Structures are given as C-alpha cells and as structure tokens.
C-alpha cells in the first residue's frame, strides 16, 4: 500500500490516504519520495479549476526521491538512484511528437496528477523515460521545482534558440519568474524584470536581472519600446498585452507560460508590421529537461524554497493559497 495525502472534494483538506497501486508495469519505476515541491498547478487541480480533477485527488508533480523498484524492461535507471519527476508521468512513445523528441506535445501524454496519484505520498510511479537522474552537483532538497516551474521557463530558451546577445524581459518575479531570471542571466542574456512591486528591485537584480521596470509606470514602459527580442510572461493575470508587444523589436516574441484568466486581446497590425510573434508552451521534453538539469548544475541555478514537513501539507497549501511563498514550497519526509 502507498501512503499519501488526498482531498476528497474540490478545495478539500488533504488527509492521510492509502491505495494499492497494483503490479508495477514493465516500463515503469516506483520512486521512494524524499521531497516534493508544491506548484500552483497543484492548487488549481485541488480546486478543480480546469474541470479535469478526479477525486480522491493526490497532488504533487515536482518529485525528488530514490528508485525503489523498476519494471522488468527498465534499463535506464537503477534501484537506489536519486531521480526527479515532473508534470508528465507518461507519453505514448509512438506518435510523431514522441518520435521527433517533443514528448511533451504528445496528445495522449499523462500528467503526473491528472487521473493519476501524485507525489504527496511516500511512493509514486511513472514511465521510466519521464524519470530523470539528478546530477551530483544539484541539491536534492531544492531541485524539485525545476521539474515543473523550472522547465516551464527554460524550455522557451531552447525552443526559440535564444542567444546570449538577446535582450529578454520577464514579467512577474514569483515562483516561475525568479527561476527565469537565473536561467537567462546564466545564459548570458541582457535581462529585464517587469514587476508591479517596486520593492522587489534589489532582489530581482540579485536573482539575475540587469534592469528593473515598474510595470505600473507608463513612462518606464514607453521608454523600452522596440527593445526586446523575447518577453516571457510568468503571471496568471490579465495585462494590456499591446504594451508588451510594443516593447518587442522586429521579429520579437511575447511568450506566455502563465495562464491568464481571460482571452487575449491584442492589435494585429503591430504583429504584422514588425513580424512579431505571440506564443505559449507547456513544460518540456525529456531531452530538454536533461539539458536543464545539466545547465542548472553547471551554473548553480536553483530555486529559492521554503520547506515544510509532509505532516504540515495543509499549512503549506494555505501559504501558497495566500500568495506568500518565497518563492517555492517543498515538502520533506
């Protein structure tokens, strides 16, 4: 039996819960969970904001632990090896997207907490191709959030062939944004942080920003028109997106990884005139996740975290619910 924390209704309290996972699949592995990050997606799923949650619901998709058991056909990892698991736990491995290396775009990919029991538990299972050995240089206590939030902001750097000479803006200095600043600075880019909180400027610069803009200052926003090769929005809020499109250079891109509450409303003429792009992306493929881990280890990029024991999971979720983490929360056995 696997011991976990589960909610039985939308927004419900997470309570001790046990389930029988059945026989281990030939291509699956079982992870003994040591740490598990808490992502805002866990809260969205807990509340059934996306209408896809199944109850009892076990959150947790930023898992770090050791391999406890492997299926008969698994050769990529060994029992006792420390690994990580992120948003996806499985993909078909046969479609054009999986075969071309874009497993995260597989139309039948399974989220670790979508119709499956997640990592707020003592054990969790996944397909071996979605389980990643940790480089020795990374700290297992804090690396968990890289497997969702981290790869979400790292993936666009690789997908869009961002150059060290590029000027890149990051909207929002929170759970995702603070990791984006670290990756982009280490990548060599000229990095600007956009935030509605002027008191975050000093910390944003420490995290990797070369420049800081108060996004409530119209004059500051006007001054950076035609400046950026890429702007990444990490926030879950509605903004005047036309302002940020105006801030792009010709062929620049406004890329969203935060889920806005409302459909976007943008002027098409500026996009056409400047050959600018508006896009979004999910997390990342197994190859890109491996690149991210190697890059993070080489450049000492890691999230800033607060740790709670698993027994205080509801207190940790409440801290996330009230928007007070600095900047990611991690549960520890």
Protein backbone atom coordinates (compact mmCIF):
# COMPACT_ATOMS: atom_id res chain seq x y z
CA UNK A 1 0.00 0.00 0.00
CA UNK A 2 1.12 3.53 -0.77
CA UNK A 3 0.52 6.17 1.90
CA UNK A 4 -0.44 9.59 0.61
CA UNK A 5 -2.34 12.80 1.29
CA UNK A 6 -5.56 13.17 -0.68
CA UNK A 7 -8.52 15.54 -0.98
CA UNK A 8 -11.98 14.09 -1.49
CA UNK A 9 -13.72 17.20 -2.82
CA UNK A 10 -12.80 20.45 -4.61
CA UNK A 11 -10.74 22.64 -2.30
CA UNK A 12 -10.88 19.98 0.38
CA UNK A 13 -8.40 19.33 3.15
CA UNK A 14 -5.60 16.90 2.32
CA UNK A 15 -5.96 13.91 4.61
CA UNK A 16 -3.96 10.68 5.07
CA UNK A 17 -5.00 8.18 2.40
CA UNK A 18 -3.80 4.74 1.33
CA UNK A 19 -4.16 3.00 -2.01
CA UNK A 20 -3.00 -0.19 -3.71
CA UNK A 21 -1.08 0.67 -6.90
CA UNK A 22 -1.22 -2.87 -8.26
CA UNK A 23 1.59 -4.58 -10.13
CA UNK A 24 4.43 -2.42 -11.43
CA UNK A 25 4.38 -2.07 -15.23
CA UNK A 26 7.29 -3.44 -17.24
CA UNK A 27 8.37 0.07 -18.33
CA UNK A 28 7.54 1.84 -15.07
CA UNK A 29 9.51 2.73 -11.98
CA UNK A 30 8.48 3.34 -8.40
CA UNK A 31 10.09 6.28 -6.61
CA UNK A 32 10.54 6.49 -2.85
CA UNK A 33 9.63 10.15 -2.35
CA UNK A 34 12.06 12.26 -0.34
CA UNK A 35 10.89 15.75 -1.37
CA UNK A 36 8.02 17.15 -3.38
CA UNK A 37 7.60 20.74 -4.49
CA UNK A 38 4.22 22.44 -4.38
CA UNK A 39 3.24 24.15 -7.61
CA UNK A 40 0.32 26.50 -8.24
CA UNK A 41 -0.98 23.81 -10.61
CA UNK A 42 -1.42 21.55 -7.57
CA UNK A 43 -3.73 24.18 -6.10
CA UNK A 44 -5.59 24.63 -9.39
CA UNK A 45 -6.11 20.87 -9.64
CA UNK A 46 -7.14 20.64 -5.98
CA UNK A 47 -9.84 23.24 -6.66
CA UNK A 48 -10.79 21.61 -9.99
CA UNK A 49 -10.32 24.95 -11.74
CA UNK A 50 -9.67 23.19 -15.05
CA UNK A 51 -12.52 20.68 -14.73
CA UNK A 52 -10.29 17.60 -15.06
CA UNK A 53 -9.61 16.63 -11.44
CA UNK A 54 -10.61 13.18 -10.22
CA UNK A 55 -11.21 12.57 -6.52
CA UNK A 56 -9.77 11.35 -4.28
CA UNK A 57 -7.02 13.63 -5.56
CA UNK A 58 -3.34 13.29 -4.60
CA UNK A 59 -1.30 16.36 -5.67
CA UNK A 60 2.44 16.53 -6.24
CA UNK A 61 4.40 16.68 -9.51
CA UNK A 62 7.79 18.10 -8.51
CA UNK A 63 9.14 14.90 -7.03
CA UNK A 64 12.65 14.03 -5.88
CA UNK A 65 13.45 10.63 -4.45
CA UNK A 66 15.25 7.35 -4.97
CA UNK A 67 14.26 4.46 -7.20
CA UNK A 68 12.63 1.78 -5.05
CA UNK A 69 11.63 -0.66 -7.79
CA UNK A 70 11.89 -0.95 -11.57
CA UNK A 71 9.82 -2.79 -14.15
CA UNK A 72 11.20 -5.85 -15.90
CA UNK A 73 12.08 -3.92 -19.09
CA UNK A 74 13.64 -0.83 -17.48
CA UNK A 75 17.35 -0.32 -18.15
CA UNK A 76 17.73 3.47 -17.85
CA UNK A 77 17.76 3.76 -14.06
CA UNK A 78 18.75 1.56 -11.15
CA UNK A 79 17.30 0.85 -7.74
CA UNK A 80 18.69 3.34 -5.23
CA UNK A 81 19.43 6.03 -7.82
CA UNK A 82 18.20 9.55 -6.96
CA UNK A 83 15.83 10.93 -9.58
CA UNK A 84 13.25 13.60 -10.30
CA UNK A 85 9.75 13.52 -11.81
CA UNK A 86 7.77 16.47 -13.14
CA UNK A 87 4.40 17.34 -14.71
CA UNK A 88 4.30 14.39 -17.13
CA UNK A 89 4.46 10.79 -15.99
CA UNK A 90 3.92 9.07 -19.34
CA UNK A 91 3.59 9.60 -23.08
CA UNK A 92 2.81 7.13 -25.84
CA UNK A 93 6.38 6.95 -27.26
CA UNK A 94 4.94 6.13 -30.71
CA UNK A 95 3.28 9.27 -32.13
CA UNK A 96 5.02 11.79 -34.40
CA UNK A 97 5.64 14.11 -31.44
CA UNK A 98 7.25 11.48 -29.24
CA UNK A 99 9.25 10.08 -32.14
CA UNK A 100 10.55 13.55 -33.03
CA UNK A 101 11.61 14.29 -29.44
CA UNK A 102 8.67 16.51 -28.47
CA UNK A 103 7.18 14.07 -25.97
CA UNK A 104 5.61 16.94 -24.02
CA UNK A 105 3.37 17.63 -27.04
CA UNK A 106 2.08 14.03 -27.20
CA UNK A 107 -1.71 14.22 -27.48
CA UNK A 108 -2.12 11.34 -25.03
CA UNK A 109 0.60 12.35 -22.53
CA UNK A 110 -0.46 11.74 -18.93
CA UNK A 111 0.05 14.38 -16.28
CA UNK A 112 1.51 13.05 -13.05
CA UNK A 113 -1.55 14.35 -11.16
CA UNK A 114 -4.16 14.14 -13.93
CA UNK A 115 -6.10 10.94 -13.42
CA UNK A 116 -3.10 9.53 -11.56
CA UNK A 117 -1.95 9.58 -7.93
CA UNK A 118 0.77 12.20 -7.45
CA UNK A 119 3.79 12.70 -5.26
CA UNK A 120 2.25 13.91 -1.99
CA UNK A 121 2.95 10.37 -0.85
CA UNK A 122 5.69 8.03 0.27
CA UNK A 123 5.89 6.49 -3.22
CA UNK A 124 4.88 7.45 -6.75
CA UNK A 125 5.09 5.71 -10.12
CA UNK A 126 5.90 6.85 -13.65
CA UNK A 127 7.19 5.66 -17.03
CA UNK A 128 10.98 5.40 -16.87
CA UNK A 129 11.52 7.87 -19.76
CA UNK A 130 9.90 10.64 -17.67
CA UNK A 131 12.13 9.98 -14.65
CA UNK A 132 15.45 11.83 -14.60
CA UNK A 133 18.68 11.00 -12.73
CA UNK A 134 19.93 14.00 -10.77
CA UNK A 135 23.41 15.38 -11.44
CA UNK A 136 25.57 15.08 -8.34
CA UNK A 137 26.06 18.86 -8.18
CA UNK A 138 22.37 19.71 -7.62
CA UNK A 139 20.86 19.94 -4.15
CA UNK A 140 18.03 17.37 -3.90
CA UNK A 141 16.33 19.42 -1.18
CA UNK A 142 15.58 22.34 -3.51
CA UNK A 143 15.73 20.95 -7.07
CA UNK A 144 12.12 19.67 -7.16
CA UNK A 145 10.56 22.90 -8.50
CA UNK A 146 12.85 22.76 -11.55
CA UNK A 147 10.83 19.75 -12.77
CA UNK A 148 7.77 21.91 -13.42
CA UNK A 149 8.32 25.63 -12.90
CA UNK A 150 11.97 25.48 -13.91
CA UNK A 151 11.49 23.59 -17.17
CA UNK A 152 8.49 25.78 -17.99
CA UNK A 153 10.75 28.85 -18.21
CA UNK A 154 13.84 27.02 -19.53
CA UNK A 155 12.01 25.36 -22.42
CA UNK A 156 11.44 28.62 -24.39
CA UNK A 157 15.16 29.44 -24.20
CA UNK A 158 15.92 26.22 -26.06
CA UNK A 159 12.86 26.13 -28.33
CA UNK A 160 13.40 29.65 -29.66
CA UNK A 161 17.18 29.45 -29.90
CA UNK A 162 17.71 32.40 -27.58
CA UNK A 163 21.20 33.88 -27.99
CA UNK A 164 23.47 35.25 -25.24
CA UNK A 165 23.32 38.61 -27.04
CA UNK A 166 19.49 38.76 -26.85
CA UNK A 167 17.58 41.19 -24.68
CA UNK A 168 14.93 39.34 -22.70
CA UNK A 169 12.19 40.58 -20.38
CA UNK A 170 10.48 38.58 -17.63
CA UNK A 171 7.03 39.64 -16.43
CA UNK A 172 6.44 38.66 -12.80
CA UNK A 173 9.07 37.90 -10.15
CA UNK A 174 7.43 34.98 -8.40
CA UNK A 175 7.69 31.20 -8.44
CA UNK A 176 8.35 31.00 -12.18
CA UNK A 177 9.86 34.42 -12.75
CA UNK A 178 12.67 34.14 -10.24
CA UNK A 179 13.89 30.95 -11.93
CA UNK A 180 13.63 32.56 -15.37
CA UNK A 181 15.90 35.40 -14.21
CA UNK A 182 18.52 32.92 -13.02
CA UNK A 183 18.49 30.84 -16.18
CA UNK A 184 18.58 33.82 -18.54
CA UNK A 185 21.40 35.57 -16.68
CA UNK A 186 23.46 32.37 -16.75
CA UNK A 187 22.62 32.00 -20.45
CA UNK A 188 24.30 35.36 -20.99
CA UNK A 189 21.27 37.47 -21.92
CA UNK A 190 20.61 41.08 -21.00
CA UNK A 191 17.70 40.55 -18.62
CA UNK A 192 14.95 42.96 -17.55
CA UNK A 193 12.49 42.21 -14.77
CA UNK A 194 8.96 43.65 -15.02
CA UNK A 195 7.11 43.82 -11.71
CA UNK A 196 4.25 45.72 -10.09
CA UNK A 197 6.23 45.71 -6.82
CA UNK A 198 9.00 48.34 -6.81
CA UNK A 199 10.31 46.94 -3.54
CA UNK A 200 11.39 43.80 -5.42
CA UNK A 201 14.01 45.63 -7.48
CA UNK A 202 17.03 44.84 -5.31
CA UNK A 203 16.11 41.18 -5.06
CA UNK A 204 15.32 40.92 -8.78
CA UNK A 205 18.81 42.19 -9.53
CA UNK A 206 20.31 39.65 -7.12
CA UNK A 207 18.33 36.90 -8.87
CA UNK A 208 19.77 37.83 -12.27
CA UNK A 209 18.08 40.94 -13.65
CA UNK A 210 20.32 43.57 -15.24
CA UNK A 211 17.42 46.05 -15.32
CA UNK A 212 14.15 46.55 -13.46
CA UNK A 213 10.92 48.19 -14.65
CA UNK A 214 7.92 49.08 -12.52
CA UNK A 215 5.17 47.83 -14.83
CA UNK A 216 2.74 50.38 -13.37
CA UNK A 217 4.91 53.24 -14.64
CA UNK A 218 3.69 54.25 -18.14
CA UNK A 219 6.78 56.33 -18.83
CA UNK A 220 9.11 53.44 -17.99
CA UNK A 221 7.15 51.14 -20.30
CA UNK A 222 7.16 53.74 -23.08
CA UNK A 223 10.93 54.10 -22.75
CA UNK A 224 11.58 50.44 -23.63
CA UNK A 225 9.53 50.24 -26.82
CA UNK A 226 11.30 48.35 -29.62
CA UNK A 227 13.81 46.86 -27.16
CA UNK A 228 13.29 43.14 -26.53
CA UNK A 229 13.93 40.01 -28.56
CA UNK A 230 11.79 37.97 -26.16
CA UNK A 231 9.44 38.74 -23.30
CA UNK A 232 8.28 35.84 -21.12
CA UNK A 233 5.12 36.33 -19.05
CA UNK A 234 5.01 34.11 -15.97
CA UNK A 235 1.90 35.58 -14.35
CA UNK A 236 -1.70 34.38 -14.10
CA UNK A 237 -3.25 37.80 -14.63
CA UNK A 238 -4.72 39.94 -17.40
CA UNK A 239 -2.49 42.75 -18.68
CA UNK A 240 -2.54 45.24 -21.53
CA UNK A 241 -0.57 42.95 -23.81
CA UNK A 242 -0.31 45.60 -26.51
CA UNK A 243 2.18 47.46 -24.29
CA UNK A 244 4.49 44.44 -24.26
CA UNK A 245 4.09 43.79 -27.97
CA UNK A 246 5.18 47.41 -28.50
CA UNK A 247 8.25 46.68 -26.38
CA UNK A 248 9.39 43.97 -28.82
CA UNK A 249 11.91 44.55 -31.58
CA UNK A 250 11.01 43.42 -35.11
CA UNK A 251 10.78 39.60 -35.11
CA UNK A 252 10.44 39.71 -31.31
CA UNK A 253 8.23 37.30 -29.39
CA UNK A 254 5.82 37.65 -26.47
CA UNK A 255 5.67 34.21 -24.88
CA UNK A 256 3.19 33.20 -22.19
CA UNK A 257 3.77 30.43 -19.68
CA UNK A 258 1.33 31.83 -17.12
CA UNK A 259 -2.37 31.03 -17.60
CA UNK A 260 -4.30 34.27 -17.98
CA UNK A 261 -7.91 34.29 -16.71
CA UNK A 262 -9.29 35.89 -19.89
CA UNK A 263 -8.72 35.52 -23.63
CA UNK A 264 -6.05 37.82 -25.01
CA UNK A 265 -6.97 41.00 -26.82
CA UNK A 266 -4.16 42.35 -29.00
CA UNK A 267 -3.84 44.58 -32.01
CA UNK A 268 -2.91 42.55 -35.08
CA UNK A 269 -1.33 45.38 -37.10
CA UNK A 270 1.74 45.73 -34.82
CA UNK A 271 2.31 41.96 -35.08
CA UNK A 272 2.17 42.11 -38.86
CA UNK A 273 4.19 45.28 -39.24
CA UNK A 274 7.03 44.07 -37.02
CA UNK A 275 6.70 40.38 -37.90
CA UNK A 276 6.27 39.76 -34.19
CA UNK A 277 5.00 36.57 -32.56
CA UNK A 278 2.66 35.66 -29.72
CA UNK A 279 3.05 32.15 -28.33
CA UNK A 280 2.82 29.78 -25.37
CA UNK A 281 4.34 26.46 -24.33
CA UNK A 282 3.97 23.64 -21.80
CA UNK A 283 6.84 22.23 -19.76
CA UNK A 284 9.46 20.41 -21.83
CA UNK A 285 10.57 17.14 -23.40
CA UNK A 286 12.78 14.60 -21.63
CA UNK A 287 15.77 15.81 -23.68
CA UNK A 288 15.17 19.45 -22.70
CA UNK A 289 14.67 18.54 -19.03
CA UNK A 290 18.01 16.73 -19.07
CA UNK A 291 19.64 19.80 -20.65
CA UNK A 292 18.09 21.99 -17.98
CA UNK A 293 19.42 19.82 -15.16
CA UNK A 294 22.92 19.83 -16.67
CA UNK A 295 22.79 23.60 -17.18
CA UNK A 296 21.50 24.21 -13.65
CA UNK A 297 24.25 22.03 -12.21
CA UNK A 298 26.96 23.75 -14.26
CA UNK A 299 25.83 27.29 -13.43
CA UNK A 300 24.48 26.69 -9.93
CA UNK A 301 20.95 27.77 -10.83
CA UNK A 302 18.45 26.67 -8.22
CA UNK A 303 15.06 27.84 -6.96
CA UNK A 304 14.63 29.68 -3.68
CA UNK A 305 12.50 27.45 -1.48
CA UNK A 306 10.81 27.09 1.89
CA UNK A 307 10.49 23.61 3.35
CA UNK A 308 7.61 22.04 5.27
CA UNK A 309 7.33 18.50 6.66
CA UNK A 310 4.73 16.41 4.84
CA UNK A 311 2.65 16.39 8.02
CA UNK A 312 2.12 20.14 7.52
CA UNK A 313 0.92 19.81 3.92
CA UNK A 314 -2.28 21.78 4.56
CA UNK A 315 -0.38 24.64 6.17
CA UNK A 316 1.95 24.72 3.16
CA UNK A 317 -1.01 24.73 0.74
CA UNK A 318 -2.59 27.58 2.68
CA UNK A 319 0.62 29.58 2.38
CA UNK A 320 0.52 29.06 -1.38
CA UNK A 321 -3.18 29.91 -1.49
CA UNK A 322 -2.50 33.28 0.15
CA UNK A 323 0.33 34.10 -2.25
CA UNK A 324 3.06 34.38 0.36
CA UNK A 325 5.79 31.86 -0.61
CA UNK A 326 9.34 32.99 -1.24
CA UNK A 327 9.43 31.66 -3.85
CA UNK A 328 8.62 27.92 -3.98
CA UNK A 329 7.43 25.50 -1.33
CA UNK A 330 8.84 21.99 -0.86
CA UNK A 331 7.51 19.15 1.30
CA UNK A 332 10.01 16.85 3.01
CA UNK A 333 9.65 13.39 4.50
